[in-house]
Amino acid sequence: MTPTYVAAEAETSELPKIVDGTPPVRPASPVKRSRIGDLPMRVIYRVLAGVAAVVVAAVAALVGFTSSDSADRPGEEAPGRVAAPSAAAPSPGPASPPPSSAATPSPLAATASPRPTPDGSAVTAALADPRVPERPRDRKLARFPGKALPSSKRRVEDERSGVSLVRLGKPWKTYGASPFSTKQVLPPVKGAGHRAMLVSCPVPIEAQAAVKDTAILAARWTLNHHPKGSRIRWSASQPIKDGWLLAYRVTYKVKGKSRSSMAAVALTETDRAKPALVFVTIPDAQRKRWRDITTAVSSIRHL
């Protein structure tokens, strides 16, 4: 019986050794995973945002260090700094010459506006034209035959020239002004050679030092509005307020027949760049309306 007891005791004593020798399973890892999973999502987002901010700051610092380092190297410029000087132009130093456009005015700019020609060469050339007689002597405008139109308070304003003049009654009527500023006309007459008209505009030729000389050039220019081959014969030359008046007969031929017109130019200095020109011409076929020339030139007023 003894051997049987010993064997039984030995068999019961080995059971604890088997239990104690087996390493226990640690619950540490499952506990950690469960804690991360139990965290609120907002906490995770904040952690991720903080990590991203740190990464961005590190990259920016690295780029800035690289840029500053490359800028300090001779012959190199940092990217992005090329456009910086254009924001404010550096003031020229003592050795830098000032810009030519600021220091010295352009010769073209100095002569851009029309200037009178004091030498009178333009007038000399005009008087050499066989269509224009010698310089007119001062003479007052004579009274034209014919019946004057009833006085009218209606006026025509020329903003371009800075003057206004009477609006003549019937048979006169306003008409398309181009190339003038204002225009009034009489009905056309067959065989007259041209249509009677009263117009105004800034003087279309170069102004001279003396307004009388400018009037001579203007009278010559009006031959463009008379039949071909027209010639001038002076009738009057007199000063008017702020200007000069020239009256003249224009002679020409229409189909071989001698015809003529009575015309006048009145120049008036205004606050505009050029003097105002009032030009009137009436053919001999309507000589009864020659009296309207006096009415027109005497009605000129400044705006």
C-alpha atoms as a PDB file:
ATOM      1  CA  MET A   1       0.000   0.000   0.000  1.00  0.00           C
ATOM      2  CA  THR A   2       2.894   2.314   0.675  1.00  0.00           C
ATOM      3  CA  PRO A   3       4.104   2.490  -2.903  1.00  0.00           C
ATOM      4  CA  THR A   4       0.590   3.274  -4.032  1.00  0.00           C
ATOM      5  CA  TYR A   5       0.304   6.316  -1.662  1.00  0.00           C
ATOM      6  CA  VAL A   6       3.625   7.721  -2.754  1.00  0.00           C
ATOM      7  CA  ALA A   7       2.593   7.522  -6.316  1.00  0.00           C
ATOM      8  CA  ALA A   8      -0.631   9.264  -5.577  1.00  0.00           C
ATOM      9  CA  GLU A   9       1.139  12.039  -3.654  1.00  0.00           C
ATOM     10  CA  ALA A  10       3.563  12.584  -6.426  1.00  0.00           C
ATOM     11  CA  GLU A  11       0.780  12.819  -8.905  1.00  0.00           C
ATOM     12  CA  THR A  12      -1.098  15.431  -6.902  1.00  0.00           C
ATOM     13  CA  SER A  13       2.036  17.531  -6.297  1.00  0.00           C
ATOM     14  CA  GLU A  14       2.753  18.014  -9.979  1.00  0.00           C
ATOM     15  CA  LEU A  15      -0.513  19.831 -10.759  1.00  0.00           C
ATOM     16  CA  PRO A  16       0.421  23.166  -9.143  1.00  0.00           C
ATOM     17  CA  LYS A  17       3.718  23.247 -11.048  1.00  0.00           C
ATOM     18  CA  ILE A  18       1.900  23.042 -14.360  1.00  0.00           C
ATOM     19  CA  VAL A  19      -0.386  25.943 -13.386  1.00  0.00           C
ATOM     20  CA  ASP A  20       2.417  28.126 -12.010  1.00  0.00           C
ATOM     21  CA  GLY A  21       4.731  27.515 -14.989  1.00  0.00           C
ATOM     22  CA  THR A  22       2.276  28.770 -17.647  1.00  0.00           C
ATOM     23  CA  PRO A  23       2.776  32.593 -18.220  1.00  0.00           C
ATOM     24  CA  PRO A  24      -0.428  34.521 -17.717  1.00  0.00           C
ATOM     25  CA  VAL A  25      -1.955  36.359 -20.673  1.00  0.00           C
ATOM     26  CA  ARG A  26      -1.411  40.123 -20.222  1.00  0.00           C
ATOM     27  CA  PRO A  27      -4.485  42.275 -20.897  1.00  0.00           C
ATOM     28  CA  ALA A  28      -2.298  45.357 -21.508  1.00  0.00           C
ATOM     29  CA  SER A  29      -2.606  45.489 -25.303  1.00  0.00           C
ATOM     30  CA  PRO A  30      -6.365  45.042 -25.422  1.00  0.00           C
ATOM     31  CA  VAL A  31      -6.722  47.737 -22.759  1.00  0.00           C
ATOM     32  CA  LYS A  32      -4.677  50.275 -24.840  1.00  0.00           C
ATOM     33  CA  ARG A  33      -6.645  49.609 -28.024  1.00  0.00           C
ATOM     34  CA  SER A  34      -9.870  50.006 -26.177  1.00  0.00           C
ATOM     35  CA  ARG A  35      -8.754  53.351 -24.690  1.00  0.00           C
ATOM     36  CA  ILE A  36      -7.865  54.843 -28.149  1.00  0.00           C
ATOM     37  CA  GLY A  37     -11.144  53.633 -29.568  1.00  0.00           C
ATOM     38  CA  ASP A  38     -13.001  55.180 -26.642  1.00  0.00           C
ATOM     39  CA  LEU A  39     -11.464  58.626 -27.252  1.00  0.00           C
ATOM     40  CA  PRO A  40     -13.904  61.258 -28.711  1.00  0.00           C
ATOM     41  CA  MET A  41     -13.394  62.095 -32.390  1.00  0.00           C
ATOM     42  CA  ARG A  42     -12.855  65.807 -31.658  1.00  0.00           C
ATOM     43  CA  VAL A  43      -9.828  64.935 -29.554  1.00  0.00           C
ATOM     44  CA  ILE A  44      -8.374  62.891 -32.407  1.00  0.00           C
ATOM     45  CA  TYR A  45      -8.993  65.751 -34.888  1.00  0.00           C
ATOM     46  CA  ARG A  46      -7.258  68.219 -32.582  1.00  0.00           C
ATOM     47  CA  VAL A  47      -4.251  65.947 -32.287  1.00  0.00           C
ATOM     48  CA  LEU A  48      -4.068  65.527 -36.068  1.00  0.00           C
ATOM     49  CA  ALA A  49      -4.423  69.292 -36.608  1.00  0.00           C
ATOM     50  CA  GLY A  50      -1.601  69.962 -34.186  1.00  0.00           C
ATOM     51  CA  VAL A  51       0.655  67.503 -35.993  1.00  0.00           C
ATOM     52  CA  ALA A  52      -0.190  69.085 -39.364  1.00  0.00           C
ATOM     53  CA  ALA A  53       0.583  72.580 -38.014  1.00  0.00           C
ATOM     54  CA  VAL A  54       3.958  71.416 -36.778  1.00  0.00           C
ATOM     55  CA  VAL A  55       4.757  69.892 -40.171  1.00  0.00           C
ATOM     56  CA  VAL A  56       3.737  73.068 -42.052  1.00  0.00           C
ATOM     57  CA  ALA A  57       5.807  75.269 -39.756  1.00  0.00           C
ATOM     58  CA  ALA A  58       8.801  73.036 -40.265  1.00  0.00           C
ATOM     59  CA  VAL A  59       8.463  73.166 -44.057  1.00  0.00           C
ATOM     60  CA  ALA A  60       8.066  76.984 -44.025  1.00  0.00           C
ATOM     61  CA  ALA A  61      11.142  77.390 -41.884  1.00  0.00           C
ATOM     62  CA  LEU A  62      13.110  75.156 -44.216  1.00  0.00           C
ATOM     63  CA  VAL A  63      11.982  77.139 -47.307  1.00  0.00           C
ATOM     64  CA  GLY A  64      12.780  80.471 -45.646  1.00  0.00           C
ATOM     65  CA  PHE A  65      16.202  79.266 -44.650  1.00  0.00           C
ATOM     66  CA  THR A  66      16.883  78.060 -48.197  1.00  0.00           C
ATOM     67  CA  SER A  67      15.673  81.392 -49.723  1.00  0.00           C
ATOM     68  CA  SER A  68      17.760  83.559 -47.424  1.00  0.00           C
ATOM     69  CA  ASP A  69      20.738  81.375 -47.972  1.00  0.00           C
ATOM     70  CA  SER A  70      20.481  81.586 -51.778  1.00  0.00           C
ATOM     71  CA  ALA A  71      19.949  85.369 -51.623  1.00  0.00           C
ATOM     72  CA  ASP A  72      23.198  85.823 -49.752  1.00  0.00           C
ATOM     73  CA  ARG A  73      25.139  84.142 -52.501  1.00  0.00           C
ATOM     74  CA  PRO A  74      26.852  86.479 -55.037  1.00  0.00           C
ATOM     75  CA  GLY A  75      25.077  86.647 -58.382  1.00  0.00           C
ATOM     76  CA  GLU A  76      21.896  84.945 -57.120  1.00  0.00           C
ATOM     77  CA  GLU A  77      18.481  86.205 -56.109  1.00  0.00           C
ATOM     78  CA  ALA A  78      15.875  84.592 -53.969  1.00  0.00           C
ATOM     79  CA  PRO A  79      12.723  83.521 -55.792  1.00  0.00           C
ATOM     80  CA  GLY A  80       9.855  85.955 -55.339  1.00  0.00           C
ATOM     81  CA  ARG A  81      12.010  89.005 -54.644  1.00  0.00           C
ATOM     82  CA  VAL A  82      12.467  90.130 -58.249  1.00  0.00           C
ATOM     83  CA  ALA A  83       9.186  92.053 -58.312  1.00  0.00           C
ATOM     84  CA  ALA A  84       9.828  93.844 -55.028  1.00  0.00           C
ATOM     85  CA  PRO A  85      11.814  96.829 -56.460  1.00  0.00           C
ATOM     86  CA  SER A  86       8.955  97.674 -58.899  1.00  0.00           C
ATOM     87  CA  ALA A  87       6.669  98.593 -55.997  1.00  0.00           C
ATOM     88  CA  ALA A  88       8.613 101.807 -55.406  1.00  0.00           C
ATOM     89  CA  ALA A  89      11.234 103.089 -57.815  1.00  0.00           C
ATOM     90  CA  PRO A  90      14.473 103.995 -56.016  1.00  0.00           C
ATOM     91  CA  SER A  91      15.380 107.640 -55.990  1.00  0.00           C
ATOM     92  CA  PRO A  92      18.343 108.385 -58.238  1.00  0.00           C
ATOM     93  CA  GLY A  93      21.609 108.879 -56.463  1.00  0.00           C
ATOM     94  CA  PRO A  94      23.991 111.767 -57.028  1.00  0.00           C
ATOM     95  CA  ALA A  95      25.688 109.897 -59.858  1.00  0.00           C
ATOM     96  CA  SER A  96      22.433 108.830 -61.534  1.00  0.00           C
ATOM     97  CA  PRO A  97      21.283 111.204 -64.324  1.00  0.00           C
ATOM     98  CA  PRO A  98      17.645 112.354 -64.032  1.00  0.00           C
ATOM     99  CA  PRO A  99      15.178 110.951 -66.584  1.00  0.00           C
ATOM    100  CA  SER A 100      15.375 112.859 -69.847  1.00  0.00           C
ATOM    101  CA  SER A 101      11.576 113.275 -70.079  1.00  0.00           C
ATOM    102  CA  ALA A 102      11.472 114.994 -66.692  1.00  0.00           C
ATOM    103  CA  ALA A 103      14.609 117.087 -66.987  1.00  0.00           C
ATOM    104  CA  THR A 104      14.262 118.362 -70.557  1.00  0.00           C
ATOM    105  CA  PRO A 105      10.875 119.030 -72.204  1.00  0.00           C
ATOM    106  CA  SER A 106      10.354 117.483 -75.624  1.00  0.00           C
ATOM    107  CA  PRO A 107      10.737 119.912 -78.542  1.00  0.00           C
ATOM    108  CA  LEU A 108       7.496 118.540 -80.011  1.00  0.00           C
ATOM    109  CA  ALA A 109       5.641 119.249 -76.785  1.00  0.00           C
ATOM    110  CA  ALA A 110       6.831 122.837 -76.838  1.00  0.00           C
ATOM    111  CA  THR A 111       5.464 123.397 -80.333  1.00  0.00           C
ATOM    112  CA  ALA A 112       2.361 121.207 -80.121  1.00  0.00           C
ATOM    113  CA  SER A 113      -0.100 124.119 -79.927  1.00  0.00           C
ATOM    114  CA  PRO A 114      -0.436 126.429 -82.941  1.00  0.00           C
ATOM    115  CA  ARG A 115       1.679 129.558 -82.665  1.00  0.00           C
ATOM    116  CA  PRO A 116       1.424 132.799 -84.607  1.00  0.00           C
ATOM    117  CA  THR A 117       4.053 133.398 -87.271  1.00  0.00           C
ATOM    118  CA  PRO A 118       5.398 136.898 -86.474  1.00  0.00           C
ATOM    119  CA  ASP A 119       7.474 137.068 -89.654  1.00  0.00           C
ATOM    120  CA  GLY A 120       4.326 137.282 -91.797  1.00  0.00           C
ATOM    121  CA  SER A 121       5.601 134.721 -94.305  1.00  0.00           C
ATOM    122  CA  ALA A 122       2.168 133.109 -94.594  1.00  0.00           C
ATOM    123  CA  VAL A 123       0.554 136.459 -95.426  1.00  0.00           C
ATOM    124  CA  THR A 124       3.310 137.233 -97.937  1.00  0.00           C
ATOM    125  CA  ALA A 125       2.601 133.947 -99.662  1.00  0.00           C
ATOM    126  CA  ALA A 126      -1.157 134.651 -99.644  1.00  0.00           C
ATOM    127  CA  LEU A 127      -0.690 138.100-101.197  1.00  0.00           C
ATOM    128  CA  ALA A 128       1.497 136.533-103.877  1.00  0.00           C
ATOM    129  CA  ASP A 129      -1.506 134.437-104.939  1.00  0.00           C
ATOM    130  CA  PRO A 130      -2.890 135.988-108.162  1.00  0.00           C
ATOM    131  CA  ARG A 131      -6.420 135.484-106.818  1.00  0.00           C
ATOM    132  CA  VAL A 132      -5.725 137.846-103.911  1.00  0.00           C
ATOM    133  CA  PRO A 133      -4.956 141.570-104.396  1.00  0.00           C
ATOM    134  CA  GLU A 134      -2.462 143.536-102.323  1.00  0.00           C
ATOM    135  CA  ARG A 135      -3.039 144.194 -98.630  1.00  0.00           C
ATOM    136  CA  PRO A 136      -6.376 146.040 -98.174  1.00  0.00           C
ATOM    137  CA  ARG A 137      -6.452 149.613 -96.939  1.00  0.00           C
ATOM    138  CA  ASP A 138      -8.584 150.360 -93.893  1.00  0.00           C
ATOM    139  CA  ARG A 139     -12.072 151.296 -95.052  1.00  0.00           C
ATOM    140  CA  LYS A 140     -15.439 151.094 -93.312  1.00  0.00           C
ATOM    141  CA  LEU A 141     -18.125 148.765 -94.549  1.00  0.00           C
ATOM    142  CA  ALA A 142     -20.507 150.625 -96.844  1.00  0.00           C
ATOM    143  CA  ARG A 143     -24.281 150.343 -96.562  1.00  0.00           C
ATOM    144  CA  PHE A 144     -25.556 147.607 -98.846  1.00  0.00           C
ATOM    145  CA  PRO A 145     -28.699 148.125-100.909  1.00  0.00           C
ATOM    146  CA  GLY A 146     -31.757 146.086-100.098  1.00  0.00           C
ATOM    147  CA  LYS A 147     -34.328 145.770 -97.348  1.00  0.00           C
ATOM    148  CA  ALA A 148     -33.166 144.653 -93.942  1.00  0.00           C
ATOM    149  CA  LEU A 149     -34.885 141.691 -92.341  1.00  0.00           C
ATOM    150  CA  PRO A 150     -37.068 142.409 -89.293  1.00  0.00           C
ATOM    151  CA  SER A 151     -35.036 142.355 -86.104  1.00  0.00           C
ATOM    152  CA  SER A 152     -35.032 138.959 -84.413  1.00  0.00           C
ATOM    153  CA  LYS A 153     -34.136 137.954 -80.870  1.00  0.00           C
ATOM    154  CA  ARG A 154     -33.448 134.394 -81.934  1.00  0.00           C
ATOM    155  CA  ARG A 155     -29.771 133.547 -81.968  1.00  0.00           C
ATOM    156  CA  VAL A 156     -27.491 130.724 -83.026  1.00  0.00           C
ATOM    157  CA  GLU A 157     -24.807 129.700 -80.516  1.00  0.00           C
ATOM    158  CA  ASP A 158     -21.463 128.295 -81.580  1.00  0.00           C
ATOM    159  CA  GLU A 159     -19.922 126.564 -78.575  1.00  0.00           C
ATOM    160  CA  ARG A 160     -16.801 125.528 -80.475  1.00  0.00           C
ATOM    161  CA  SER A 161     -15.994 129.102 -81.474  1.00  0.00           C
ATOM    162  CA  GLY A 162     -17.290 130.829 -78.350  1.00  0.00           C
ATOM    163  CA  VAL A 163     -19.638 133.232 -80.175  1.00  0.00           C
ATOM    164  CA  SER A 164     -23.303 133.595 -81.056  1.00  0.00           C
ATOM    165  CA  LEU A 165     -24.934 135.390 -83.973  1.00  0.00           C
ATOM    166  CA  VAL A 166     -28.390 136.306 -85.187  1.00  0.00           C
ATOM    167  CA  ARG A 167     -30.652 133.651 -86.621  1.00  0.00           C
ATOM    168  CA  LEU A 168     -31.852 135.246 -89.826  1.00  0.00           C
ATOM    169  CA  GLY A 169     -35.527 134.950 -90.710  1.00  0.00           C
ATOM    170  CA  LYS A 170     -37.085 133.709 -93.943  1.00  0.00           C
ATOM    171  CA  PRO A 171     -35.968 133.101 -96.619  1.00  0.00           C
ATOM    172  CA  TRP A 172     -32.921 132.046 -94.577  1.00  0.00           C
ATOM    173  CA  LYS A 173     -32.997 128.684 -92.823  1.00  0.00           C
ATOM    174  CA  THR A 174     -30.592 126.587 -90.773  1.00  0.00           C
ATOM    175  CA  TYR A 175     -28.869 123.758 -92.578  1.00  0.00           C
ATOM    176  CA  GLY A 176     -26.454 120.878 -91.933  1.00  0.00           C
ATOM    177  CA  ALA A 177     -23.429 122.660 -90.483  1.00  0.00           C
ATOM    178  CA  SER A 178     -20.597 120.253 -91.402  1.00  0.00           C
ATOM    179  CA  PRO A 179     -17.750 121.069 -91.830  1.00  0.00           C
ATOM    180  CA  PHE A 180     -18.647 124.304 -90.001  1.00  0.00           C
ATOM    181  CA  SER A 181     -20.079 124.718 -86.517  1.00  0.00           C
ATOM    182  CA  THR A 182     -23.238 126.603 -87.552  1.00  0.00           C
ATOM    183  CA  LYS A 183     -24.745 127.199 -90.970  1.00  0.00           C
ATOM    184  CA  GLN A 184     -27.653 129.183 -92.439  1.00  0.00           C
ATOM    185  CA  VAL A 185     -28.483 129.241 -96.155  1.00  0.00           C
ATOM    186  CA  LEU A 186     -30.708 130.900 -98.740  1.00  0.00           C
ATOM    187  CA  PRO A 187     -32.635 128.851-101.310  1.00  0.00           C
ATOM    188  CA  PRO A 188     -30.363 127.883-104.247  1.00  0.00           C
ATOM    189  CA  VAL A 189     -30.607 129.899-107.464  1.00  0.00           C
ATOM    190  CA  LYS A 190     -29.923 128.314-110.827  1.00  0.00           C
ATOM    191  CA  GLY A 191     -26.869 129.755-112.567  1.00  0.00           C
ATOM    192  CA  ALA A 192     -25.613 131.566-109.448  1.00  0.00           C
ATOM    193  CA  GLY A 193     -22.508 129.418-109.212  1.00  0.00           C
ATOM    194  CA  HIS A 194     -22.873 128.621-105.508  1.00  0.00           C
ATOM    195  CA  ARG A 195     -25.376 128.815-102.675  1.00  0.00           C
ATOM    196  CA  ALA A 196     -25.594 131.781-100.282  1.00  0.00           C
ATOM    197  CA  MET A 197     -24.578 130.881 -96.753  1.00  0.00           C
ATOM    198  CA  LEU A 198     -23.777 132.304 -93.333  1.00  0.00           C
ATOM    199  CA  VAL A 199     -21.453 130.063 -91.277  1.00  0.00           C
ATOM    200  CA  SER A 200     -19.284 130.134 -88.170  1.00  0.00           C
ATOM    201  CA  CYS A 201     -16.415 127.991 -86.879  1.00  0.00           C
ATOM    202  CA  PRO A 202     -12.977 128.289 -85.280  1.00  0.00           C
ATOM    203  CA  VAL A 203     -10.725 129.889 -87.893  1.00  0.00           C
ATOM    204  CA  PRO A 204      -9.502 126.971 -90.068  1.00  0.00           C
ATOM    205  CA  ILE A 205      -6.087 128.440 -90.838  1.00  0.00           C
ATOM    206  CA  GLU A 206      -3.055 129.227 -88.691  1.00  0.00           C
ATOM    207  CA  ALA A 207      -3.540 132.313 -86.538  1.00  0.00           C
ATOM    208  CA  GLN A 208      -1.074 135.147 -87.165  1.00  0.00           C
ATOM    209  CA  ALA A 209       0.450 137.682 -84.807  1.00  0.00           C
ATOM    210  CA  ALA A 210      -1.941 140.373 -86.128  1.00  0.00           C
ATOM    211  CA  VAL A 211      -5.636 139.551 -86.358  1.00  0.00           C
ATOM    212  CA  LYS A 212      -5.880 141.510 -89.626  1.00  0.00           C
ATOM    213  CA  ASP A 213      -3.322 139.182 -91.193  1.00  0.00           C
ATOM    214  CA  THR A 214      -5.330 136.203 -89.990  1.00  0.00           C
ATOM    215  CA  ALA A 215      -8.411 137.724 -91.637  1.00  0.00           C
ATOM    216  CA  ILE A 216      -6.534 138.020 -94.953  1.00  0.00           C
ATOM    217  CA  LEU A 217      -5.612 134.342 -94.834  1.00  0.00           C
ATOM    218  CA  ALA A 218      -9.213 133.463 -93.922  1.00  0.00           C
ATOM    219  CA  ALA A 219     -10.567 135.446 -96.887  1.00  0.00           C
ATOM    220  CA  ARG A 220      -8.243 133.591 -99.218  1.00  0.00           C
ATOM    221  CA  TRP A 221      -9.391 130.277 -97.676  1.00  0.00           C
ATOM    222  CA  THR A 222     -13.054 131.125 -98.431  1.00  0.00           C
ATOM    223  CA  LEU A 223     -12.281 130.918-102.156  1.00  0.00           C
ATOM    224  CA  ASN A 224     -12.591 127.160-101.645  1.00  0.00           C
ATOM    225  CA  HIS A 225     -16.342 127.777-101.240  1.00  0.00           C
ATOM    226  CA  HIS A 226     -16.722 129.807-104.421  1.00  0.00           C
ATOM    227  CA  PRO A 227     -16.597 128.668-108.069  1.00  0.00           C
ATOM    228  CA  LYS A 228     -13.252 127.701-109.528  1.00  0.00           C
ATOM    229  CA  GLY A 229     -11.190 130.626-110.768  1.00  0.00           C
ATOM    230  CA  SER A 230     -12.696 133.113-108.287  1.00  0.00           C
ATOM    231  CA  ARG A 231     -10.782 136.303-107.466  1.00  0.00           C
ATOM    232  CA  ILE A 232     -11.032 138.784-104.596  1.00  0.00           C
ATOM    233  CA  ARG A 233     -11.599 142.556-104.750  1.00  0.00           C
ATOM    234  CA  TRP A 234     -11.480 144.263-101.344  1.00  0.00           C
ATOM    235  CA  SER A 235     -14.473 146.387-100.338  1.00  0.00           C
ATOM    236  CA  ALA A 236     -13.887 147.064 -96.618  1.00  0.00           C
ATOM    237  CA  SER A 237     -11.281 146.514 -93.919  1.00  0.00           C
ATOM    238  CA  GLN A 238     -11.967 147.694 -90.382  1.00  0.00           C
ATOM    239  CA  PRO A 239     -11.470 146.685 -86.753  1.00  0.00           C
ATOM    240  CA  ILE A 240     -14.367 145.264 -84.775  1.00  0.00           C
ATOM    241  CA  LYS A 241     -14.617 144.321 -81.111  1.00  0.00           C
ATOM    242  CA  ASP A 242     -11.747 141.936 -80.337  1.00  0.00           C
ATOM    243  CA  GLY A 243     -11.149 141.298 -84.016  1.00  0.00           C
ATOM    244  CA  TRP A 244     -11.182 142.401 -87.639  1.00  0.00           C
ATOM    245  CA  LEU A 245     -13.674 142.578 -90.515  1.00  0.00           C
ATOM    246  CA  LEU A 246     -12.917 142.196 -94.223  1.00  0.00           C
ATOM    247  CA  ALA A 247     -15.593 142.591 -96.906  1.00  0.00           C
ATOM    248  CA  TYR A 248     -14.883 141.772-100.551  1.00  0.00           C
ATOM    249  CA  ARG A 249     -16.462 141.023-103.884  1.00  0.00           C
ATOM    250  CA  VAL A 250     -15.665 137.647-105.408  1.00  0.00           C
ATOM    251  CA  THR A 251     -15.667 137.567-109.208  1.00  0.00           C
ATOM    252  CA  TYR A 252     -15.843 134.413-111.324  1.00  0.00           C
ATOM    253  CA  LYS A 253     -17.480 132.960-114.433  1.00  0.00           C
ATOM    254  CA  VAL A 254     -20.345 130.486-114.728  1.00  0.00           C
ATOM    255  CA  LYS A 255     -20.674 128.893-118.160  1.00  0.00           C
ATOM    256  CA  GLY A 256     -18.658 131.718-119.682  1.00  0.00           C
ATOM    257  CA  LYS A 257     -20.793 134.433-118.085  1.00  0.00           C
ATOM    258  CA  SER A 258     -19.227 136.842-115.571  1.00  0.00           C
ATOM    259  CA  ARG A 259     -20.828 136.578-112.145  1.00  0.00           C
ATOM    260  CA  SER A 260     -19.953 137.792-108.657  1.00  0.00           C
ATOM    261  CA  SER A 261     -20.779 137.446-104.990  1.00  0.00           C
ATOM    262  CA  MET A 262     -20.511 139.785-102.016  1.00  0.00           C
ATOM    263  CA  ALA A 263     -18.710 138.206 -99.062  1.00  0.00           C
ATOM    264  CA  ALA A 264     -17.252 139.062 -95.678  1.00  0.00           C
ATOM    265  CA  VAL A 265     -15.172 137.433 -92.951  1.00  0.00           C
ATOM    266  CA  ALA A 266     -15.236 138.614 -89.350  1.00  0.00           C
ATOM    267  CA  LEU A 267     -12.636 137.320 -86.893  1.00  0.00           C
ATOM    268  CA  THR A 268     -13.133 137.652 -83.146  1.00  0.00           C
ATOM    269  CA  GLU A 269     -10.757 136.678 -80.347  1.00  0.00           C
ATOM    270  CA  THR A 270     -12.471 134.556 -77.676  1.00  0.00           C
ATOM    271  CA  ASP A 271     -11.412 132.383 -74.756  1.00  0.00           C
ATOM    272  CA  ARG A 272     -11.035 129.456 -77.161  1.00  0.00           C
ATOM    273  CA  ALA A 273      -7.718 128.284 -78.609  1.00  0.00           C
ATOM    274  CA  LYS A 274      -8.416 129.926 -81.977  1.00  0.00           C
ATOM    275  CA  PRO A 275     -10.316 133.063 -83.009  1.00  0.00           C
ATOM    276  CA  ALA A 276     -13.916 132.630 -84.117  1.00  0.00           C
ATOM    277  CA  LEU A 277     -14.630 133.016 -87.837  1.00  0.00           C
ATOM    278  CA  VAL A 278     -17.970 134.242 -89.204  1.00  0.00           C
ATOM    279  CA  PHE A 279     -18.163 133.968 -92.981  1.00  0.00           C
ATOM    280  CA  VAL A 280     -21.045 135.093 -95.192  1.00  0.00           C
ATOM    281  CA  THR A 281     -21.336 135.045 -98.976  1.00  0.00           C
ATOM    282  CA  ILE A 282     -24.339 135.884-101.205  1.00  0.00           C
ATOM    283  CA  PRO A 283     -24.291 135.626-105.043  1.00  0.00           C
ATOM    284  CA  ASP A 284     -25.380 138.535-107.230  1.00  0.00           C
ATOM    285  CA  ALA A 285     -28.495 136.589-108.227  1.00  0.00           C
ATOM    286  CA  GLN A 286     -29.720 137.380-104.681  1.00  0.00           C
ATOM    287  CA  ARG A 287     -28.252 140.863-104.343  1.00  0.00           C
ATOM    288  CA  LYS A 288     -31.427 141.995-102.575  1.00  0.00           C
ATOM    289  CA  ARG A 289     -30.181 140.043 -99.573  1.00  0.00           C
ATOM    290  CA  TRP A 290     -26.746 141.706 -99.474  1.00  0.00           C
ATOM    291  CA  ARG A 291     -28.047 143.880 -96.677  1.00  0.00           C
ATOM    292  CA  ASP A 292     -28.094 140.744 -94.500  1.00  0.00           C
ATOM    293  CA  ILE A 293     -24.293 140.777 -94.501  1.00  0.00           C
ATOM    294  CA  THR A 294     -24.305 143.883 -92.326  1.00  0.00           C
ATOM    295  CA  THR A 295     -26.942 142.339 -90.058  1.00  0.00           C
ATOM    296  CA  ALA A 296     -24.916 139.166 -89.641  1.00  0.00           C
ATOM    297  CA  VAL A 297     -21.485 140.622 -88.886  1.00  0.00           C
ATOM    298  CA  SER A 298     -22.885 143.279 -86.533  1.00  0.00           C
ATOM    299  CA  SER A 299     -24.706 140.607 -84.490  1.00  0.00           C
ATOM    300  CA  ILE A 300     -21.596 138.708 -83.321  1.00  0.00           C
ATOM    301  CA  ARG A 301     -21.430 138.339 -79.524  1.00  0.00           C
ATOM    302  CA  HIS A 302     -19.220 136.393 -77.145  1.00  0.00           C
ATOM    303  CA  LEU A 303     -20.858 133.504 -75.312  1.00  0.00           C
END
